[in-house]
């Protein structure tokens, strides 16, 4: 320690003598060796920065800061718009519905409307539409918030039961709620197709918990499972090949041997709810004619067909349409629709499907009903089909 002090004194004496001879050579850094080292480091950084700037200027390039990548907002951050009067009317009709007053449509009609939805918007948008509807239903159906959000789940099960599902709820081994939906008949399509329903469950439970709760369909009756199972968590949606989806639906129409039933599988309100999601989408859906052409190939409506094509076409159209009534004539069939299931885009899709199904051998027209609140779809069979009918 004593030697170090002597060296420091010697160094200070040398600096003082040098300053006395030439005052301009002295600086604050000379008086403190640590400051001298820091000054050298700062000077080297400035030199490096100036050199890099000169290189960029010589090359004639200017470095710009990298733009921040815009990240699409996740569903968790999605805030639905205020519900409109149309959705309020649907929920009001559903809550006021009594047992025995329901009007039913077939599972094929529901899937036809879901195809319109899939051809109009991606699965993520379907989820958001369902999320909005689930929040709306909770606000209308649950008068007072229960202490535990699980106590409101039976009301969610009632919602799906009114739509036509056999709905059950339970608690998984991880302590999270699960919803199970099962229908009387399922259509094998090879994909999970209930993103909209997962959104409804998510919106309802998020309102009950007062915090966001993501839901996804882990098993689907349309994809080989016995029933549709919805569990908490966010899962990447599998890419659905729309062409394959339409082909599989056309095969179902050809192999299901559609028969007249006492009533359909689902409530007509379910079909109206699905159609409400695409009301804001504009423009026709040309793929619906392709769906009709696929069905035509599966049935084989030509001169070699031994069946009655007029009867088969009539049964198919009765099955896929959510009509409230149908009138059959010798050369035409007329479908009548209620106002909530009489959207112009829906009618246009039915018209294109019928055109592809008959392969241009029938005249299809959409007329305003006598009440002026809905549409009628009229299929006038051509001479070729009527000739096959008489064989």
Protein backbone atom coordinates (compact mmCIF):
# COMPACT_ATOMS: atom_id res chain seq x y z
CA UNK A 1 0.00 0.00 0.00
CA UNK A 2 2.86 2.38 0.86
CA UNK A 3 4.51 1.70 -2.50
CA UNK A 4 1.25 2.46 -4.32
CA UNK A 5 0.89 5.79 -2.52
CA UNK A 6 4.46 6.72 -3.48
CA UNK A 7 3.79 5.88 -7.14
CA UNK A 8 0.62 8.02 -7.15
CA UNK A 9 2.50 10.95 -5.62
CA UNK A 10 5.26 10.53 -8.19
CA UNK A 11 2.73 10.50 -11.03
CA UNK A 12 1.01 13.66 -9.75
CA UNK A 13 4.39 15.39 -9.42
CA UNK A 14 5.26 14.55 -13.04
CA UNK A 15 1.91 15.86 -14.28
CA UNK A 16 2.35 19.07 -12.28
CA UNK A 17 5.83 19.62 -13.72
CA UNK A 18 4.61 18.98 -17.29
CA UNK A 19 1.75 21.43 -16.80
CA UNK A 20 4.14 24.05 -15.50
CA UNK A 21 6.25 23.77 -18.68
CA UNK A 22 3.28 23.56 -21.15
CA UNK A 23 -0.20 24.24 -19.69
CA UNK A 24 -2.05 23.21 -22.94
CA UNK A 25 -1.00 19.56 -22.59
CA UNK A 26 -2.83 19.10 -19.29
CA UNK A 27 -6.46 18.00 -19.04
CA UNK A 28 -8.94 16.69 -16.52
CA UNK A 29 -8.34 13.19 -17.82
CA UNK A 30 -4.60 13.44 -17.03
CA UNK A 31 -5.35 14.21 -13.42
CA UNK A 32 -7.45 11.03 -13.11
CA UNK A 33 -6.21 7.83 -14.85
CA UNK A 34 -9.71 6.24 -14.76
CA UNK A 35 -11.24 9.18 -16.61
CA UNK A 36 -8.47 8.94 -19.16
CA UNK A 37 -9.41 5.33 -19.95
CA UNK A 38 -13.11 6.18 -20.28
CA UNK A 39 -12.29 9.08 -22.59
CA UNK A 40 -10.28 6.78 -24.88
CA UNK A 41 -13.19 4.31 -25.13
CA UNK A 42 -15.70 7.08 -25.94
CA UNK A 43 -13.35 8.50 -28.56
CA UNK A 44 -12.96 5.11 -30.26
CA UNK A 45 -16.76 4.67 -30.42
CA UNK A 46 -17.19 8.06 -32.07
CA UNK A 47 -14.49 7.21 -34.61
CA UNK A 48 -16.12 3.87 -35.47
CA UNK A 49 -19.52 5.55 -35.89
CA UNK A 50 -18.11 8.20 -38.18
CA UNK A 51 -16.32 5.57 -40.28
CA UNK A 52 -19.51 3.53 -40.74
CA UNK A 53 -21.41 6.70 -41.71
CA UNK A 54 -18.78 7.52 -44.32
CA UNK A 55 -18.99 4.01 -45.79
CA UNK A 56 -22.77 4.28 -46.14
CA UNK A 57 -22.49 7.70 -47.76
CA UNK A 58 -19.87 6.42 -50.21
CA UNK A 59 -22.11 3.53 -51.23
CA UNK A 60 -24.97 5.95 -51.81
CA UNK A 61 -27.25 4.10 -49.42
CA UNK A 62 -29.13 5.32 -46.40
CA UNK A 63 -30.07 2.90 -43.65
CA UNK A 64 -33.65 3.30 -42.52
CA UNK A 65 -35.05 1.88 -39.29
CA UNK A 66 -36.87 -1.41 -39.82
CA UNK A 67 -40.63 -0.92 -39.88
CA UNK A 68 -42.54 -2.67 -37.13
CA UNK A 69 -44.53 -5.62 -38.37
CA UNK A 70 -48.25 -5.15 -37.99
CA UNK A 71 -49.64 -8.01 -35.96
CA UNK A 72 -53.25 -9.01 -36.57
CA UNK A 73 -55.24 -8.69 -33.35
CA UNK A 74 -56.00 -12.03 -31.74
CA UNK A 75 -59.52 -13.16 -30.94
CA UNK A 76 -58.83 -12.51 -27.26
CA UNK A 77 -58.55 -8.78 -28.02
CA UNK A 78 -61.63 -8.77 -30.25
CA UNK A 79 -64.36 -6.45 -29.03
CA UNK A 80 -67.68 -7.16 -30.74
CA UNK A 81 -69.75 -4.30 -32.08
CA UNK A 82 -73.06 -3.44 -30.42
CA UNK A 83 -75.65 -6.07 -31.41
CA UNK A 84 -78.12 -5.03 -34.09
CA UNK A 85 -81.89 -5.41 -34.05
CA UNK A 86 -81.75 -8.50 -36.30
CA UNK A 87 -79.77 -10.56 -33.78
CA UNK A 88 -81.97 -9.25 -30.98
CA UNK A 89 -85.02 -10.51 -32.88
CA UNK A 90 -83.48 -13.97 -33.32
CA UNK A 91 -82.58 -14.27 -29.62
CA UNK A 92 -86.03 -13.00 -28.62
CA UNK A 93 -87.71 -15.64 -30.80
CA UNK A 94 -85.49 -18.35 -29.35
CA UNK A 95 -86.17 -17.39 -25.73
CA UNK A 96 -89.93 -17.13 -26.36
CA UNK A 97 -90.06 -20.50 -28.11
CA UNK A 98 -92.11 -23.13 -26.29
CA UNK A 99 -91.94 -26.87 -26.65
CA UNK A 100 -94.22 -27.99 -29.47
CA UNK A 101 -94.13 -24.64 -31.28
CA UNK A 102 -90.85 -25.29 -33.10
CA UNK A 103 -90.41 -25.49 -36.86
CA UNK A 104 -87.65 -27.86 -37.92
CA UNK A 105 -85.23 -28.15 -40.82
CA UNK A 106 -83.02 -31.05 -41.85
CA UNK A 107 -79.34 -31.44 -41.02
CA UNK A 108 -78.68 -31.12 -44.77
CA UNK A 109 -80.30 -27.65 -44.73
CA UNK A 110 -78.10 -26.59 -41.81
CA UNK A 111 -74.99 -27.87 -43.58
CA UNK A 112 -76.00 -26.09 -46.80
CA UNK A 113 -76.16 -22.79 -44.88
CA UNK A 114 -72.84 -23.56 -43.19
CA UNK A 115 -71.32 -24.10 -46.63
CA UNK A 116 -72.47 -20.60 -47.57
CA UNK A 117 -70.72 -19.37 -44.44
CA UNK A 118 -67.49 -21.27 -45.22
CA UNK A 119 -67.47 -19.98 -48.81
CA UNK A 120 -67.97 -16.40 -47.56
CA UNK A 121 -65.53 -16.05 -44.65
CA UNK A 122 -62.60 -17.84 -42.96
CA UNK A 123 -63.03 -19.92 -39.81
CA UNK A 124 -61.56 -17.14 -37.63
CA UNK A 125 -64.32 -14.73 -38.74
CA UNK A 126 -66.95 -17.39 -38.05
CA UNK A 127 -65.52 -17.73 -34.54
CA UNK A 128 -65.77 -13.98 -33.99
CA UNK A 129 -69.37 -13.89 -35.20
CA UNK A 130 -70.23 -16.70 -32.80
CA UNK A 131 -68.36 -14.92 -29.99
CA UNK A 132 -70.52 -11.85 -30.51
CA UNK A 133 -73.72 -13.89 -30.51
CA UNK A 134 -72.69 -15.81 -27.38
CA UNK A 135 -72.16 -12.56 -25.46
CA UNK A 136 -75.52 -11.28 -26.65
CA UNK A 137 -77.33 -14.45 -25.60
CA UNK A 138 -75.76 -14.30 -22.13
CA UNK A 139 -76.90 -10.70 -21.65
CA UNK A 140 -80.47 -11.64 -22.64
CA UNK A 141 -80.81 -15.07 -20.99
CA UNK A 142 -79.00 -14.60 -17.65
CA UNK A 143 -80.78 -11.97 -15.55
CA UNK A 144 -78.28 -11.88 -12.66
CA UNK A 145 -74.65 -12.97 -12.69
CA UNK A 146 -74.16 -16.06 -10.48
CA UNK A 147 -71.37 -16.20 -7.91
CA UNK A 148 -69.64 -19.03 -9.80
CA UNK A 149 -69.62 -18.83 -13.58
CA UNK A 150 -70.06 -22.62 -13.82
CA UNK A 151 -73.62 -22.14 -12.51
CA UNK A 152 -74.57 -20.41 -15.78
CA UNK A 153 -73.41 -23.28 -18.04
CA UNK A 154 -76.82 -25.08 -17.87
CA UNK A 155 -78.32 -22.03 -19.61
CA UNK A 156 -75.76 -22.45 -22.41
CA UNK A 157 -76.76 -26.12 -22.73
CA UNK A 158 -80.42 -25.05 -23.02
CA UNK A 159 -79.45 -22.74 -25.89
CA UNK A 160 -78.05 -25.60 -27.95
CA UNK A 161 -80.91 -27.89 -26.95
CA UNK A 162 -83.35 -25.35 -28.39
CA UNK A 163 -81.34 -25.37 -31.62
CA UNK A 164 -81.75 -29.16 -31.87
CA UNK A 165 -78.64 -30.64 -30.26
CA UNK A 166 -78.43 -33.09 -27.40
CA UNK A 167 -76.16 -30.89 -25.29
CA UNK A 168 -74.19 -31.97 -22.22
CA UNK A 169 -71.63 -30.20 -20.08
CA UNK A 170 -69.03 -31.41 -17.64
CA UNK A 171 -65.68 -30.73 -16.04
CA UNK A 172 -62.47 -32.16 -17.50
CA UNK A 173 -59.70 -33.72 -15.44
CA UNK A 174 -57.92 -30.36 -15.57
CA UNK A 175 -60.90 -28.65 -13.93
CA UNK A 176 -62.07 -26.85 -17.09
CA UNK A 177 -65.62 -26.94 -18.49
CA UNK A 178 -66.36 -29.04 -21.58
CA UNK A 179 -69.42 -28.87 -23.83
CA UNK A 180 -70.61 -31.87 -25.86
CA UNK A 181 -73.09 -31.59 -28.75
CA UNK A 182 -74.75 -34.49 -30.54
CA UNK A 183 -77.39 -34.52 -33.28
CA UNK A 184 -79.72 -37.22 -34.58
CA UNK A 185 -77.89 -37.41 -37.89
CA UNK A 186 -74.35 -36.44 -38.85
CA UNK A 187 -72.82 -35.68 -42.22
CA UNK A 188 -69.32 -37.07 -42.81
CA UNK A 189 -67.28 -34.27 -44.35
CA UNK A 190 -63.73 -35.06 -43.19
CA UNK A 191 -63.23 -31.75 -41.35
CA UNK A 192 -64.08 -30.06 -38.05
CA UNK A 193 -66.72 -27.56 -39.15
CA UNK A 194 -68.04 -25.95 -35.95
CA UNK A 195 -65.85 -22.86 -35.50
CA UNK A 196 -69.01 -20.73 -35.28
CA UNK A 197 -70.40 -22.84 -32.42
CA UNK A 198 -67.03 -22.72 -30.62
CA UNK A 199 -67.25 -18.93 -30.80
CA UNK A 200 -70.76 -18.95 -29.29
CA UNK A 201 -69.52 -21.03 -26.35
CA UNK A 202 -66.49 -18.77 -25.91
CA UNK A 203 -68.61 -15.59 -25.94
CA UNK A 204 -71.08 -16.98 -23.40
CA UNK A 205 -68.42 -18.27 -20.98
CA UNK A 206 -66.32 -15.11 -21.38
CA UNK A 207 -69.32 -13.04 -20.28
CA UNK A 208 -70.00 -15.42 -17.39
CA UNK A 209 -66.36 -15.25 -16.19
CA UNK A 210 -66.00 -11.55 -16.99
CA UNK A 211 -62.73 -12.46 -18.73
CA UNK A 212 -61.87 -14.00 -22.08
CA UNK A 213 -62.01 -17.80 -22.37
CA UNK A 214 -60.97 -19.37 -25.68
CA UNK A 215 -62.72 -22.54 -26.84
CA UNK A 216 -62.02 -24.95 -29.68
CA UNK A 217 -63.59 -28.07 -31.16
CA UNK A 218 -61.37 -31.02 -30.29
CA UNK A 219 -63.66 -33.70 -31.82
CA UNK A 220 -66.31 -33.36 -34.52
CA UNK A 221 -69.14 -35.65 -35.59
CA UNK A 222 -68.55 -34.51 -39.18
CA UNK A 223 -64.97 -35.75 -38.93
CA UNK A 224 -65.45 -39.31 -37.70
CA UNK A 225 -66.22 -38.75 -34.00
CA UNK A 226 -69.46 -39.80 -32.31
CA UNK A 227 -70.15 -36.28 -31.04
CA UNK A 228 -68.73 -32.77 -31.11
CA UNK A 229 -66.58 -31.90 -28.09
CA UNK A 230 -65.56 -28.33 -27.21
CA UNK A 231 -62.73 -27.69 -24.77
CA UNK A 232 -60.95 -24.57 -23.45
CA UNK A 233 -57.86 -23.36 -25.24
CA UNK A 234 -56.91 -21.83 -28.54
CA UNK A 235 -56.00 -24.21 -31.32
CA UNK A 236 -54.86 -23.49 -34.86
CA UNK A 237 -57.72 -24.19 -37.23
CA UNK A 238 -57.00 -26.89 -39.79
CA UNK A 239 -57.13 -25.66 -43.37
CA UNK A 240 -60.39 -26.79 -44.94
CA UNK A 241 -60.32 -27.63 -48.63
CA UNK A 242 -63.59 -26.12 -49.83
CA UNK A 243 -63.65 -28.23 -52.99
CA UNK A 244 -63.30 -31.44 -50.96
CA UNK A 245 -65.93 -30.17 -48.53
CA UNK A 246 -68.45 -29.68 -51.36
CA UNK A 247 -67.66 -33.07 -52.95
CA UNK A 248 -68.17 -34.88 -49.64
CA UNK A 249 -71.47 -33.08 -49.09
CA UNK A 250 -72.63 -34.03 -52.60
CA UNK A 251 -71.73 -37.68 -51.89
CA UNK A 252 -73.76 -37.53 -48.70
CA UNK A 253 -76.79 -36.26 -50.61
CA UNK A 254 -76.47 -39.17 -53.05
CA UNK A 255 -75.92 -41.92 -50.48
CA UNK A 256 -78.15 -40.82 -47.59
CA UNK A 257 -81.39 -41.93 -49.32
CA UNK A 258 -83.22 -38.83 -48.20
CA UNK A 259 -86.67 -39.65 -46.91
CA UNK A 260 -89.54 -37.61 -45.66
CA UNK A 261 -89.39 -37.24 -41.90
CA UNK A 262 -92.04 -36.21 -39.44
CA UNK A 263 -89.86 -33.20 -38.72
CA UNK A 264 -86.27 -32.15 -39.26
CA UNK A 265 -83.33 -32.38 -36.89
CA UNK A 266 -82.74 -28.70 -36.08
CA UNK A 267 -84.76 -25.59 -35.29
CA UNK A 268 -85.37 -23.15 -38.15
CA UNK A 269 -83.91 -20.46 -35.85
CA UNK A 270 -80.54 -22.25 -36.03
CA UNK A 271 -80.56 -21.78 -39.80
CA UNK A 272 -81.49 -18.10 -39.38
CA UNK A 273 -78.62 -17.65 -36.90
CA UNK A 274 -76.12 -19.10 -39.39
CA UNK A 275 -77.43 -16.91 -42.22
CA UNK A 276 -77.16 -13.82 -39.99
CA UNK A 277 -73.35 -14.16 -40.02
CA UNK A 278 -73.14 -13.54 -43.79
CA UNK A 279 -75.65 -10.70 -44.05
CA UNK A 280 -72.84 -8.13 -44.30
CA UNK A 281 -71.07 -10.07 -47.09
CA UNK A 282 -71.95 -8.85 -50.56
CA UNK A 283 -71.94 -10.56 -53.93
CA UNK A 284 -73.02 -14.00 -55.20
CA UNK A 285 -71.31 -17.32 -54.47
CA UNK A 286 -70.53 -19.01 -57.81
CA UNK A 287 -69.25 -22.15 -56.04
CA UNK A 288 -72.83 -23.11 -55.15
CA UNK A 289 -73.51 -23.98 -58.79
CA UNK A 290 -70.43 -26.21 -58.69
CA UNK A 291 -71.90 -27.94 -55.63
CA UNK A 292 -75.07 -28.62 -57.64
CA UNK A 293 -73.00 -30.04 -60.51
CA UNK A 294 -71.20 -32.38 -58.10
CA UNK A 295 -74.57 -33.61 -56.82
CA UNK A 296 -75.78 -34.05 -60.40
CA UNK A 297 -72.79 -36.29 -61.19
CA UNK A 298 -73.36 -38.34 -58.04
CA UNK A 299 -77.02 -38.97 -58.93
CA UNK A 300 -76.51 -39.26 -62.69
CA UNK A 301 -79.53 -37.38 -64.02
CA UNK A 302 -79.49 -38.54 -67.62
CA UNK A 303 -81.42 -40.87 -69.91
CA UNK A 304 -79.74 -43.94 -68.41
CA UNK A 305 -81.15 -43.14 -64.96
CA UNK A 306 -83.92 -45.55 -64.10
CA UNK A 307 -85.28 -43.42 -61.27
CA UNK A 308 -87.56 -40.42 -61.37
CA UNK A 309 -85.29 -37.35 -61.64
CA UNK A 310 -88.11 -34.89 -60.98
CA UNK A 311 -88.97 -36.59 -57.70
CA UNK A 312 -85.30 -36.90 -56.70
CA UNK A 313 -84.57 -33.24 -57.47
CA UNK A 314 -87.64 -32.22 -55.49
CA UNK A 315 -86.55 -34.29 -52.48
CA UNK A 316 -83.00 -32.92 -52.61
CA UNK A 317 -84.22 -29.32 -52.76
CA UNK A 318 -86.65 -29.96 -49.89
CA UNK A 319 -83.78 -31.37 -47.87
CA UNK A 320 -81.18 -28.62 -48.42
CA UNK A 321 -83.58 -25.65 -48.18
CA UNK A 322 -85.03 -24.25 -44.97
CA UNK A 323 -88.41 -23.68 -46.61
CA UNK A 324 -91.53 -23.36 -44.50
CA UNK A 325 -93.73 -24.94 -47.19
CA UNK A 326 -93.51 -26.55 -50.63
CA UNK A 327 -96.15 -27.05 -53.31
CA UNK A 328 -95.63 -29.67 -56.01
CA UNK A 329 -97.25 -29.38 -59.42
CA UNK A 330 -97.00 -31.64 -62.46
CA UNK A 331 -94.28 -29.52 -64.01
CA UNK A 332 -93.01 -27.28 -61.19
CA UNK A 333 -92.32 -27.10 -57.47
CA UNK A 334 -92.62 -23.96 -55.35
CA UNK A 335 -90.77 -23.37 -52.06
CA UNK A 336 -91.99 -20.76 -49.59
CA UNK A 337 -89.67 -19.25 -46.96
CA UNK A 338 -90.27 -17.30 -43.77
CA UNK A 339 -88.73 -13.79 -43.50
CA UNK A 340 -85.83 -14.78 -41.21
CA UNK A 341 -84.78 -17.55 -43.63
CA UNK A 342 -85.35 -15.54 -46.79
CA UNK A 343 -82.11 -13.61 -47.20
CA UNK A 344 -81.44 -12.58 -50.82
CA UNK A 345 -77.94 -14.11 -50.75
CA UNK A 346 -79.36 -17.37 -49.43
CA UNK A 347 -81.98 -17.44 -52.17
CA UNK A 348 -79.32 -16.75 -54.81
CA UNK A 349 -77.25 -19.69 -53.46
CA UNK A 350 -80.27 -22.01 -53.67
CA UNK A 351 -80.94 -20.83 -57.22
CA UNK A 352 -77.35 -21.56 -58.29
CA UNK A 353 -77.39 -24.97 -56.60
CA UNK A 354 -80.67 -25.91 -58.33
CA UNK A 355 -79.27 -24.73 -61.66
CA UNK A 356 -76.21 -26.97 -61.30
CA UNK A 357 -78.30 -29.86 -59.97
CA UNK A 358 -80.64 -29.86 -62.98
CA UNK A 359 -77.77 -29.13 -65.40
CA UNK A 360 -79.78 -26.38 -67.05
CA UNK A 361 -82.81 -28.64 -67.69
CA UNK A 362 -85.05 -26.55 -65.44
CA UNK A 363 -85.96 -22.90 -65.13
CA UNK A 364 -85.39 -21.44 -61.67
CA UNK A 365 -86.95 -18.16 -60.60
CA UNK A 366 -86.98 -16.18 -57.36
CA UNK A 367 -90.16 -14.19 -56.74
CA UNK A 368 -91.24 -11.86 -53.98
CA UNK A 369 -93.99 -13.46 -51.90
CA UNK A 370 -97.50 -12.06 -51.57
CA UNK A 371 -96.68 -10.59 -48.17
CA UNK A 372 -93.66 -8.75 -49.56
CA UNK A 373 -91.52 -9.85 -46.59
CA UNK A 374 -89.94 -12.99 -48.06
CA UNK A 375 -89.15 -14.82 -51.30
CA UNK A 376 -90.47 -17.86 -53.15
CA UNK A 377 -88.24 -20.20 -55.14
CA UNK A 378 -89.91 -21.82 -58.17
CA UNK A 379 -88.33 -24.66 -60.17
CA UNK A 380 -90.05 -25.29 -63.50
CA UNK A 381 -88.94 -28.62 -64.96
CA UNK A 382 -88.01 -28.74 -68.63
CA UNK A 383 -89.31 -31.17 -71.24
CA UNK A 384 -86.22 -33.41 -70.95
CA UNK A 385 -86.76 -34.10 -67.24
CA UNK A 386 -90.51 -34.53 -67.67
CA UNK A 387 -89.84 -37.05 -70.45
CA UNK A 388 -87.57 -39.05 -68.13
CA UNK A 389 -90.24 -38.88 -65.44
CA UNK A 390 -92.81 -40.56 -67.69
CA UNK A 391 -90.50 -43.47 -68.56
